[in-house]
Protein backbone atom coordinates (compact mmCIF):
# COMPACT_ATOMS: atom_id res chain seq x y z
CA UNK A 1 -17.71 25.22 75.72
CA UNK A 2 -16.37 25.76 72.14
CA UNK A 3 -18.73 27.53 69.77
CA UNK A 4 -19.40 26.10 66.30
CA UNK A 5 -20.88 27.60 63.13
CA UNK A 6 -22.55 24.97 60.94
CA UNK A 7 -22.57 25.70 57.20
CA UNK A 8 -24.50 23.55 54.73
CA UNK A 9 -27.14 24.30 52.11
CA UNK A 10 -29.12 21.19 53.11
CA UNK A 11 -31.30 21.78 56.17
CA UNK A 12 -31.29 18.07 57.07
CA UNK A 13 -27.46 18.06 57.19
CA UNK A 14 -27.41 21.13 59.44
CA UNK A 15 -29.91 19.37 61.73
CA UNK A 16 -27.84 16.17 61.75
CA UNK A 17 -24.67 18.07 62.58
CA UNK A 18 -26.43 20.00 65.34
CA UNK A 19 -27.64 16.74 66.88
CA UNK A 20 -24.14 15.23 66.69
CA UNK A 21 -22.35 18.28 68.11
CA UNK A 22 -24.83 19.69 70.65
CA UNK A 23 -23.50 17.78 73.65
CA UNK A 24 -19.90 18.94 73.22
CA UNK A 25 -20.29 22.31 71.50
CA UNK A 26 -22.42 25.41 71.71
CA UNK A 27 -24.12 25.91 68.35
CA UNK A 28 -23.29 29.55 67.62
CA UNK A 29 -25.22 29.68 64.36
CA UNK A 30 -26.09 28.16 61.00
CA UNK A 31 -25.58 29.31 57.44
CA UNK A 32 -26.95 27.90 54.21
CA UNK A 33 -24.36 29.30 51.81
CA UNK A 34 -20.79 30.57 51.86
CA UNK A 35 -21.68 34.26 51.74
CA UNK A 36 -23.89 33.90 54.78
CA UNK A 37 -21.14 31.88 56.49
CA UNK A 38 -18.60 34.69 56.06
CA UNK A 39 -21.07 37.27 57.39
CA UNK A 40 -21.97 35.10 60.40
CA UNK A 41 -18.32 34.33 61.07
CA UNK A 42 -17.63 38.06 61.39
CA UNK A 43 -20.64 38.53 63.65
CA UNK A 44 -20.34 35.43 65.85
CA UNK A 45 -16.58 34.73 65.89
CA UNK A 46 -17.02 30.96 66.45
CA UNK A 47 -14.19 28.67 67.53
CA UNK A 48 -15.00 26.04 64.86
CA UNK A 49 -16.72 26.10 61.47
CA UNK A 50 -18.09 23.03 59.68
CA UNK A 51 -18.23 23.78 55.97
CA UNK A 52 -19.99 22.11 53.07
CA UNK A 53 -18.02 22.50 49.85
CA UNK A 54 -20.75 22.62 47.18
CA UNK A 55 -23.26 25.39 47.94
CA UNK A 56 -25.06 28.15 46.05
CA UNK A 57 -24.08 31.85 46.09
CA UNK A 58 -20.51 31.17 47.37
CA UNK A 59 -19.06 27.69 47.64
CA UNK A 60 -17.29 26.39 50.73
CA UNK A 61 -13.78 26.80 49.36
CA UNK A 62 -14.36 30.47 48.55
CA UNK A 63 -15.91 30.98 52.00
CA UNK A 64 -12.93 29.34 53.71
CA UNK A 65 -10.56 31.65 51.83
CA UNK A 66 -12.63 34.70 52.83
CA UNK A 67 -12.77 33.60 56.49
CA UNK A 68 -9.04 32.91 56.50
CA UNK A 69 -8.43 36.42 55.17
CA UNK A 70 -10.57 37.82 57.98
CA UNK A 71 -8.59 35.86 60.55
CA UNK A 72 -5.25 37.05 59.15
CA UNK A 73 -6.46 40.67 59.14
CA UNK A 74 -7.28 40.42 62.84
CA UNK A 75 -3.73 39.39 63.75
């Protein structure tokens, strides 16, 4: 089963996404900001990441760039 990391600063959105995805995906983890998402991505190595764009600490676009850099470094 594919593993998903859910990233959103709103707890109710993370809960909604978990409820939508739980039958088809293993929920690998949750993050509430981009910095936490990058750290959890390194730790959990999920297959899929859902990403909110507007978040505190590090926004979703910055987090995507950081995760993409991590992926490219692993190749």
